[in-house]
Amino acid sequence: MSRLQLFNHPLLLGFEEFERTLDRIAKTGDGYPPYNIEQRGENRIRITLAVAGFAAADLGVQIEDSQLVIRGKQTEEAGKVFLHRGIAARQFQRSFVLAEGLEVVGATLDNGLLHIDLERPQPATRVRRIEIRDADAAARAAGPRG
């Protein structure tokens, strides 16, 4: 199977990092834990993960480079004897690639749901004028060479 290069166009300069990010996203496969992504206003997003059975101490949320990484690991109580075990105590890692400027503003655990709130602050408009130099005028000002 050949790899489609989305940003391999002469008008798209400097997008190699986006292409690497898309490759990294495509490699994630496990669907556990299930999650929702919710728009909560013009500049706010909430990611909700279903983490039933996990306590806050069993979970970790951190930013690694440009990724939001959520990890969970349950500890088993010694001495328990299960007649049937349908609820697995398994660990997980779920990663989300964050766009530039997107910030995590908080995380809460409520009734088995881990809510992670993100916000994108309004960027300041940047306009920069680029001076165009006249090469002929610069050559005349330098005078004859000799």
N, C-alpha and C. Protein backbone atom coordinates (compact mmCIF):
# COMPACT_ATOMS: atom_id res chain seq x y z
N MET A 1 0.85 -1.18 0.00
CA MET A 1 0.00 0.00 0.00
C MET A 1 0.89 1.24 0.00
N SER A 2 0.70 2.10 -0.97
CA SER A 2 1.52 3.31 -1.03
C SER A 2 0.97 4.36 -0.07
N ARG A 3 1.87 5.17 0.44
CA ARG A 3 1.52 6.18 1.42
C ARG A 3 1.15 7.47 0.70
N LEU A 4 -0.02 8.00 1.01
CA LEU A 4 -0.46 9.26 0.43
C LEU A 4 0.25 10.40 1.15
N GLN A 5 0.89 11.25 0.40
CA GLN A 5 1.55 12.40 1.00
C GLN A 5 0.67 13.62 0.79
N LEU A 6 -0.04 13.98 1.84
CA LEU A 6 -1.01 15.06 1.77
C LEU A 6 -0.37 16.42 1.52
N PHE A 7 0.79 16.63 2.10
CA PHE A 7 1.40 17.95 2.06
C PHE A 7 2.55 18.02 1.05
N ASN A 8 2.55 17.12 0.08
CA ASN A 8 3.61 17.09 -0.92
C ASN A 8 3.19 17.94 -2.12
N HIS A 9 3.12 19.23 -1.92
CA HIS A 9 2.73 20.18 -2.96
C HIS A 9 3.64 21.39 -2.85
N PRO A 10 4.08 21.94 -3.97
CA PRO A 10 5.03 23.05 -3.89
C PRO A 10 4.49 24.31 -3.21
N LEU A 11 3.18 24.46 -3.09
CA LEU A 11 2.63 25.64 -2.43
C LEU A 11 2.48 25.47 -0.91
N LEU A 12 2.67 24.25 -0.42
CA LEU A 12 2.55 23.99 1.01
C LEU A 12 3.96 23.81 1.58
N LEU A 13 4.50 24.87 2.12
CA LEU A 13 5.87 24.86 2.64
C LEU A 13 5.86 24.77 4.16
N GLY A 14 6.69 23.89 4.70
CA GLY A 14 6.85 23.80 6.14
C GLY A 14 5.78 23.00 6.86
N PHE A 15 5.05 22.13 6.17
CA PHE A 15 3.98 21.36 6.79
C PHE A 15 4.41 19.93 7.11
N GLU A 16 5.72 19.66 7.14
CA GLU A 16 6.20 18.32 7.41
C GLU A 16 5.77 17.83 8.79
N GLU A 17 5.75 18.74 9.77
CA GLU A 17 5.35 18.35 11.12
C GLU A 17 3.89 17.90 11.14
N PHE A 18 3.01 18.54 10.37
CA PHE A 18 1.62 18.11 10.29
C PHE A 18 1.52 16.71 9.72
N GLU A 19 2.32 16.42 8.71
CA GLU A 19 2.31 15.09 8.10
C GLU A 19 2.76 14.03 9.10
N ARG A 20 3.79 14.33 9.88
CA ARG A 20 4.25 13.39 10.90
C ARG A 20 3.17 13.20 11.97
N THR A 21 2.48 14.26 12.32
CA THR A 21 1.40 14.16 13.30
C THR A 21 0.28 13.27 12.79
N LEU A 22 -0.10 13.43 11.53
CA LEU A 22 -1.14 12.58 10.95
C LEU A 22 -0.72 11.11 10.94
N ASP A 23 0.54 10.85 10.65
CA ASP A 23 1.05 9.48 10.70
C ASP A 23 0.93 8.90 12.10
N ARG A 24 1.27 9.71 13.11
CA ARG A 24 1.21 9.26 14.50
C ARG A 24 -0.24 8.97 14.90
N ILE A 25 -1.15 9.80 14.46
CA ILE A 25 -2.56 9.60 14.78
C ILE A 25 -3.07 8.31 14.16
N ALA A 26 -2.68 8.05 12.93
CA ALA A 26 -3.15 6.86 12.21
C ALA A 26 -2.71 5.57 12.88
N LYS A 27 -1.64 5.61 13.66
CA LYS A 27 -1.11 4.39 14.28
C LYS A 27 -1.82 4.01 15.57
N THR A 28 -2.66 4.88 16.12
CA THR A 28 -3.39 4.54 17.34
C THR A 28 -4.55 3.63 16.97
N GLY A 29 -4.71 2.52 17.73
CA GLY A 29 -5.71 1.56 17.33
C GLY A 29 -6.70 1.15 18.41
N ASP A 30 -6.26 1.03 19.66
CA ASP A 30 -7.11 0.51 20.72
C ASP A 30 -8.25 1.48 21.01
N GLY A 31 -9.45 0.97 21.19
CA GLY A 31 -10.61 1.81 21.43
C GLY A 31 -10.96 1.97 22.89
N TYR A 32 -10.04 1.59 23.79
CA TYR A 32 -10.33 1.67 25.22
C TYR A 32 -9.48 2.74 25.86
N PRO A 33 -10.03 3.55 26.69
CA PRO A 33 -11.44 3.67 27.04
C PRO A 33 -12.19 4.49 25.99
N PRO A 34 -13.48 4.27 25.89
CA PRO A 34 -14.27 5.08 24.95
C PRO A 34 -14.30 6.54 25.40
N TYR A 35 -14.47 7.43 24.45
CA TYR A 35 -14.43 8.86 24.77
C TYR A 35 -15.37 9.65 23.87
N ASN A 36 -15.70 10.84 24.31
CA ASN A 36 -16.46 11.83 23.54
C ASN A 36 -15.62 13.09 23.46
N ILE A 37 -15.80 13.83 22.37
CA ILE A 37 -15.22 15.16 22.24
C ILE A 37 -16.37 16.10 21.97
N GLU A 38 -16.51 17.09 22.82
CA GLU A 38 -17.68 17.98 22.81
C GLU A 38 -17.25 19.42 22.63
N GLN A 39 -17.92 20.13 21.74
CA GLN A 39 -17.70 21.57 21.57
C GLN A 39 -18.51 22.28 22.64
N ARG A 40 -17.87 23.11 23.45
CA ARG A 40 -18.56 23.77 24.56
C ARG A 40 -18.48 25.27 24.46
N GLY A 41 -18.58 25.78 23.29
CA GLY A 41 -18.47 27.21 23.04
C GLY A 41 -17.55 27.42 21.87
N GLU A 42 -17.36 28.66 21.53
CA GLU A 42 -16.57 28.97 20.34
C GLU A 42 -15.12 28.53 20.47
N ASN A 43 -14.54 28.63 21.67
CA ASN A 43 -13.13 28.33 21.86
C ASN A 43 -12.88 27.28 22.94
N ARG A 44 -13.90 26.49 23.28
CA ARG A 44 -13.75 25.50 24.35
C ARG A 44 -14.14 24.12 23.86
N ILE A 45 -13.38 23.13 24.32
CA ILE A 45 -13.61 21.72 23.98
C ILE A 45 -13.55 20.92 25.26
N ARG A 46 -14.36 19.86 25.35
CA ARG A 46 -14.28 18.94 26.49
C ARG A 46 -14.11 17.53 25.95
N ILE A 47 -13.09 16.86 26.45
CA ILE A 47 -12.89 15.44 26.16
C ILE A 47 -13.37 14.68 27.38
N THR A 48 -14.25 13.71 27.18
CA THR A 48 -14.77 12.90 28.28
C THR A 48 -14.44 11.44 28.02
N LEU A 49 -13.75 10.81 28.97
CA LEU A 49 -13.40 9.40 28.87
C LEU A 49 -14.19 8.61 29.89
N ALA A 50 -14.70 7.45 29.49
CA ALA A 50 -15.42 6.56 30.39
C ALA A 50 -14.40 5.70 31.12
N VAL A 51 -14.16 6.01 32.40
CA VAL A 51 -13.14 5.33 33.18
C VAL A 51 -13.74 4.71 34.44
N ALA A 52 -14.85 3.99 34.29
CA ALA A 52 -15.51 3.37 35.44
C ALA A 52 -14.55 2.45 36.16
N GLY A 53 -14.55 2.55 37.48
CA GLY A 53 -13.69 1.71 38.31
C GLY A 53 -12.34 2.33 38.63
N PHE A 54 -12.00 3.42 37.98
CA PHE A 54 -10.73 4.10 38.25
C PHE A 54 -10.96 5.22 39.25
N ALA A 55 -10.08 5.31 40.23
CA ALA A 55 -10.09 6.43 41.16
C ALA A 55 -9.17 7.51 40.60
N ALA A 56 -9.28 8.72 41.12
CA ALA A 56 -8.44 9.82 40.65
C ALA A 56 -6.96 9.48 40.81
N ALA A 57 -6.61 8.74 41.86
CA ALA A 57 -5.21 8.36 42.08
C ALA A 57 -4.72 7.35 41.04
N ASP A 58 -5.64 6.66 40.36
CA ASP A 58 -5.27 5.67 39.34
C ASP A 58 -5.05 6.31 37.97
N LEU A 59 -5.34 7.60 37.84
CA LEU A 59 -5.31 8.28 36.55
C LEU A 59 -4.22 9.35 36.52
N GLY A 60 -3.69 9.56 35.34
CA GLY A 60 -2.72 10.63 35.14
C GLY A 60 -3.02 11.35 33.84
N VAL A 61 -2.96 12.67 33.89
CA VAL A 61 -3.19 13.51 32.71
C VAL A 61 -1.99 14.43 32.58
N GLN A 62 -1.34 14.39 31.42
CA GLN A 62 -0.20 15.28 31.23
C GLN A 62 -0.03 15.66 29.76
N ILE A 63 0.72 16.73 29.56
CA ILE A 63 1.05 17.21 28.23
C ILE A 63 2.47 16.76 27.94
N GLU A 64 2.67 16.06 26.84
CA GLU A 64 3.99 15.63 26.40
C GLU A 64 4.19 16.17 25.00
N ASP A 65 5.08 17.14 24.88
CA ASP A 65 5.27 17.87 23.62
C ASP A 65 3.93 18.45 23.20
N SER A 66 3.39 18.06 22.08
CA SER A 66 2.10 18.61 21.63
C SER A 66 0.98 17.60 21.79
N GLN A 67 1.14 16.63 22.71
CA GLN A 67 0.13 15.62 22.92
C GLN A 67 -0.43 15.66 24.33
N LEU A 68 -1.73 15.47 24.42
CA LEU A 68 -2.39 15.27 25.70
C LEU A 68 -2.40 13.76 25.91
N VAL A 69 -1.80 13.29 27.00
CA VAL A 69 -1.69 11.86 27.27
C VAL A 69 -2.42 11.56 28.57
N ILE A 70 -3.37 10.62 28.50
CA ILE A 70 -4.13 10.19 29.67
C ILE A 70 -3.76 8.74 29.92
N ARG A 71 -3.33 8.44 31.15
CA ARG A 71 -2.96 7.08 31.51
C ARG A 71 -3.79 6.63 32.70
N GLY A 72 -4.13 5.35 32.72
CA GLY A 72 -4.84 4.79 33.85
C GLY A 72 -4.28 3.43 34.19
N LYS A 73 -4.11 3.19 35.49
CA LYS A 73 -3.63 1.90 35.95
C LYS A 73 -4.29 1.60 37.29
N GLN A 74 -5.08 0.52 37.32
CA GLN A 74 -5.73 0.12 38.55
C GLN A 74 -4.83 -0.86 39.30
N THR A 75 -4.87 -0.75 40.61
CA THR A 75 -4.13 -1.70 41.43
C THR A 75 -5.13 -2.72 41.96
N GLU A 76 -4.73 -3.96 41.92
CA GLU A 76 -5.62 -5.04 42.38
C GLU A 76 -5.44 -5.25 43.87
N GLU A 77 -6.56 -5.46 44.53
CA GLU A 77 -6.51 -5.75 45.96
C GLU A 77 -6.15 -7.22 46.15
N ALA A 78 -5.19 -7.47 46.99
CA ALA A 78 -4.76 -8.85 47.25
C ALA A 78 -5.83 -9.57 48.05
N GLY A 79 -5.93 -10.85 47.80
CA GLY A 79 -6.86 -11.67 48.57
C GLY A 79 -8.25 -11.79 48.00
N LYS A 80 -8.56 -11.07 46.93
CA LYS A 80 -9.89 -11.19 46.32
C LYS A 80 -9.96 -12.46 45.49
N VAL A 81 -11.06 -13.19 45.64
CA VAL A 81 -11.29 -14.40 44.85
C VAL A 81 -12.51 -14.13 43.99
N PHE A 82 -12.34 -14.18 42.68
CA PHE A 82 -13.43 -13.90 41.75
C PHE A 82 -14.08 -15.21 41.30
N LEU A 83 -15.39 -15.29 41.38
CA LEU A 83 -16.12 -16.42 40.80
C LEU A 83 -16.36 -16.16 39.31
N HIS A 84 -16.48 -14.90 38.95
CA HIS A 84 -16.57 -14.47 37.55
C HIS A 84 -15.91 -13.11 37.47
N ARG A 85 -15.12 -12.91 36.43
CA ARG A 85 -14.45 -11.62 36.29
C ARG A 85 -14.79 -11.07 34.91
N GLY A 86 -15.75 -10.18 34.87
CA GLY A 86 -16.15 -9.53 33.62
C GLY A 86 -15.65 -8.10 33.51
N ILE A 87 -15.20 -7.55 34.62
CA ILE A 87 -14.67 -6.19 34.63
C ILE A 87 -13.16 -6.31 34.77
N ALA A 88 -12.48 -6.05 33.69
CA ALA A 88 -11.03 -6.18 33.72
C ALA A 88 -10.40 -4.97 34.38
N ALA A 89 -9.42 -5.23 35.19
CA ALA A 89 -8.63 -4.15 35.79
C ALA A 89 -7.41 -3.98 34.90
N ARG A 90 -7.58 -3.21 33.85
CA ARG A 90 -6.47 -3.09 32.91
C ARG A 90 -5.99 -1.67 32.82
N GLN A 91 -4.79 -1.52 32.37
CA GLN A 91 -4.23 -0.18 32.22
C GLN A 91 -4.49 0.31 30.80
N PHE A 92 -4.41 1.62 30.64
CA PHE A 92 -4.61 2.19 29.32
C PHE A 92 -3.77 3.44 29.16
N GLN A 93 -3.61 3.81 27.91
CA GLN A 93 -3.02 5.10 27.57
C GLN A 93 -3.76 5.60 26.34
N ARG A 94 -4.27 6.80 26.44
CA ARG A 94 -5.01 7.43 25.33
C ARG A 94 -4.33 8.76 25.06
N SER A 95 -4.00 9.02 23.79
CA SER A 95 -3.31 10.25 23.43
C SER A 95 -4.13 11.05 22.43
N PHE A 96 -4.05 12.36 22.56
CA PHE A 96 -4.69 13.29 21.64
C PHE A 96 -3.65 14.31 21.22
N VAL A 97 -3.51 14.53 19.94
CA VAL A 97 -2.58 15.55 19.45
C VAL A 97 -3.28 16.89 19.54
N LEU A 98 -2.63 17.85 20.18
CA LEU A 98 -3.23 19.17 20.39
C LEU A 98 -2.73 20.15 19.33
N ALA A 99 -3.65 20.93 18.81
CA ALA A 99 -3.28 21.98 17.87
C ALA A 99 -2.52 23.06 18.63
N GLU A 100 -1.71 23.78 17.91
CA GLU A 100 -0.94 24.86 18.53
C GLU A 100 -1.88 25.88 19.15
N GLY A 101 -1.59 26.26 20.38
CA GLY A 101 -2.41 27.26 21.07
C GLY A 101 -3.51 26.66 21.93
N LEU A 102 -3.83 25.38 21.77
CA LEU A 102 -4.87 24.74 22.56
C LEU A 102 -4.30 24.40 23.93
N GLU A 103 -4.96 24.82 25.00
CA GLU A 103 -4.45 24.64 26.35
C GLU A 103 -5.43 23.83 27.19
N VAL A 104 -4.90 22.95 28.04
CA VAL A 104 -5.72 22.21 29.00
C VAL A 104 -5.95 23.13 30.18
N VAL A 105 -7.23 23.36 30.53
CA VAL A 105 -7.55 24.27 31.64
C VAL A 105 -8.02 23.53 32.88
N GLY A 106 -8.28 22.21 32.78
CA GLY A 106 -8.69 21.47 33.97
C GLY A 106 -9.14 20.07 33.65
N ALA A 107 -9.17 19.23 34.70
CA ALA A 107 -9.65 17.86 34.59
C ALA A 107 -10.42 17.51 35.85
N THR A 108 -11.58 16.84 35.66
CA THR A 108 -12.39 16.42 36.80
C THR A 108 -12.86 14.99 36.57
N LEU A 109 -13.00 14.25 37.68
CA LEU A 109 -13.53 12.89 37.65
C LEU A 109 -14.88 12.92 38.33
N ASP A 110 -15.92 12.50 37.59
CA ASP A 110 -17.28 12.59 38.11
C ASP A 110 -18.07 11.36 37.66
N ASN A 111 -18.46 10.51 38.63
CA ASN A 111 -19.27 9.33 38.36
C ASN A 111 -18.69 8.44 37.25
N GLY A 112 -17.40 8.18 37.29
CA GLY A 112 -16.77 7.30 36.33
C GLY A 112 -16.44 7.94 34.99
N LEU A 113 -16.63 9.25 34.89
CA LEU A 113 -16.29 9.98 33.67
C LEU A 113 -15.18 10.99 33.97
N LEU A 114 -14.10 10.92 33.20
CA LEU A 114 -13.01 11.87 33.33
C LEU A 114 -13.22 12.95 32.29
N HIS A 115 -13.43 14.19 32.76
CA HIS A 115 -13.64 15.33 31.88
C HIS A 115 -12.35 16.14 31.82
N ILE A 116 -11.89 16.42 30.61
CA ILE A 116 -10.71 17.26 30.42
C ILE A 116 -11.13 18.44 29.57
N ASP A 117 -11.01 19.64 30.13
CA ASP A 117 -11.44 20.85 29.44
C ASP A 117 -10.25 21.53 28.79
N LEU A 118 -10.45 21.93 27.53
CA LEU A 118 -9.42 22.61 26.76
C LEU A 118 -9.97 23.92 26.25
N GLU A 119 -9.08 24.86 26.07
CA GLU A 119 -9.49 26.18 25.58
C GLU A 119 -8.44 26.72 24.63
N ARG A 120 -8.91 27.40 23.62
CA ARG A 120 -8.01 28.08 22.69
C ARG A 120 -8.20 29.58 22.90
N PRO A 121 -7.18 30.23 23.50
CA PRO A 121 -7.27 31.68 23.68
C PRO A 121 -7.33 32.37 22.32
N GLN A 122 -8.01 33.50 22.27
CA GLN A 122 -8.10 34.25 21.03
C GLN A 122 -6.71 34.75 20.64
N PRO A 123 -6.25 34.38 19.47
CA PRO A 123 -4.92 34.84 19.06
C PRO A 123 -4.96 36.31 18.67
N ALA A 124 -3.86 36.99 18.94
CA ALA A 124 -3.73 38.37 18.51
C ALA A 124 -3.44 38.37 17.01
N THR A 125 -4.07 39.28 16.29
CA THR A 125 -3.85 39.37 14.86
C THR A 125 -2.46 39.91 14.60
N ARG A 126 -1.74 39.21 13.75
CA ARG A 126 -0.37 39.63 13.43
C ARG A 126 -0.31 40.01 11.95
N VAL A 127 0.10 41.23 11.72
CA VAL A 127 0.32 41.72 10.36
C VAL A 127 1.72 42.30 10.33
N ARG A 128 2.49 41.88 9.37
CA ARG A 128 3.86 42.37 9.26
C ARG A 128 4.11 42.74 7.81
N ARG A 129 4.56 43.95 7.61
CA ARG A 129 4.85 44.43 6.27
C ARG A 129 6.27 44.04 5.89
N ILE A 130 6.44 43.50 4.70
CA ILE A 130 7.74 43.11 4.19
C ILE A 130 8.18 44.16 3.18
N GLU A 131 9.35 44.75 3.44
CA GLU A 131 9.89 45.78 2.55
C GLU A 131 10.38 45.13 1.27
N ILE A 132 10.07 45.76 0.15
CA ILE A 132 10.54 45.30 -1.15
C ILE A 132 11.66 46.24 -1.57
N ARG A 133 12.85 45.69 -1.70
CA ARG A 133 14.00 46.49 -2.10
C ARG A 133 14.15 46.45 -3.62
N ASP A 134 14.49 47.57 -4.18
CA ASP A 134 14.72 47.68 -5.62
C ASP A 134 16.18 47.35 -5.87
N ALA A 135 16.45 46.23 -6.53
CA ALA A 135 17.82 45.78 -6.77
C ALA A 135 18.57 46.76 -7.67
N ASP A 136 17.88 47.35 -8.67
CA ASP A 136 18.55 48.30 -9.57
C ASP A 136 18.97 49.56 -8.82
N ALA A 137 18.12 50.07 -7.94
CA ALA A 137 18.45 51.27 -7.17
C ALA A 137 19.62 51.01 -6.23
N ALA A 138 19.67 49.83 -5.67
CA ALA A 138 20.78 49.49 -4.77
C ALA A 138 22.09 49.42 -5.55
N ALA A 139 22.03 48.92 -6.78
CA ALA A 139 23.24 48.82 -7.59
C ALA A 139 23.73 50.20 -8.01
N ARG A 140 22.79 51.12 -8.35
CA ARG A 140 23.16 52.50 -8.72
C ARG A 140 23.77 53.23 -7.54
N ALA A 141 23.23 53.00 -6.33
CA ALA A 141 23.72 53.69 -5.16
C ALA A 141 25.13 53.22 -4.80
N ALA A 142 25.44 52.00 -5.13
CA ALA A 142 26.78 51.46 -4.82
C ALA A 142 27.82 52.06 -5.75
N GLY A 143 27.39 52.59 -6.89
CA GLY A 143 28.33 53.22 -7.82
C GLY A 143 29.07 52.21 -8.67
N PRO A 144 29.91 52.73 -9.53
CA PRO A 144 30.65 51.83 -10.40
C PRO A 144 31.70 51.04 -9.62
N ARG A 145 31.88 49.83 -10.07
CA ARG A 145 32.86 48.97 -9.41
C ARG A 145 34.13 48.99 -10.23
N GLY A 146 35.18 48.98 -9.60
CA GLY A 146 36.37 49.01 -10.40
C GLY A 146 37.57 48.70 -9.72
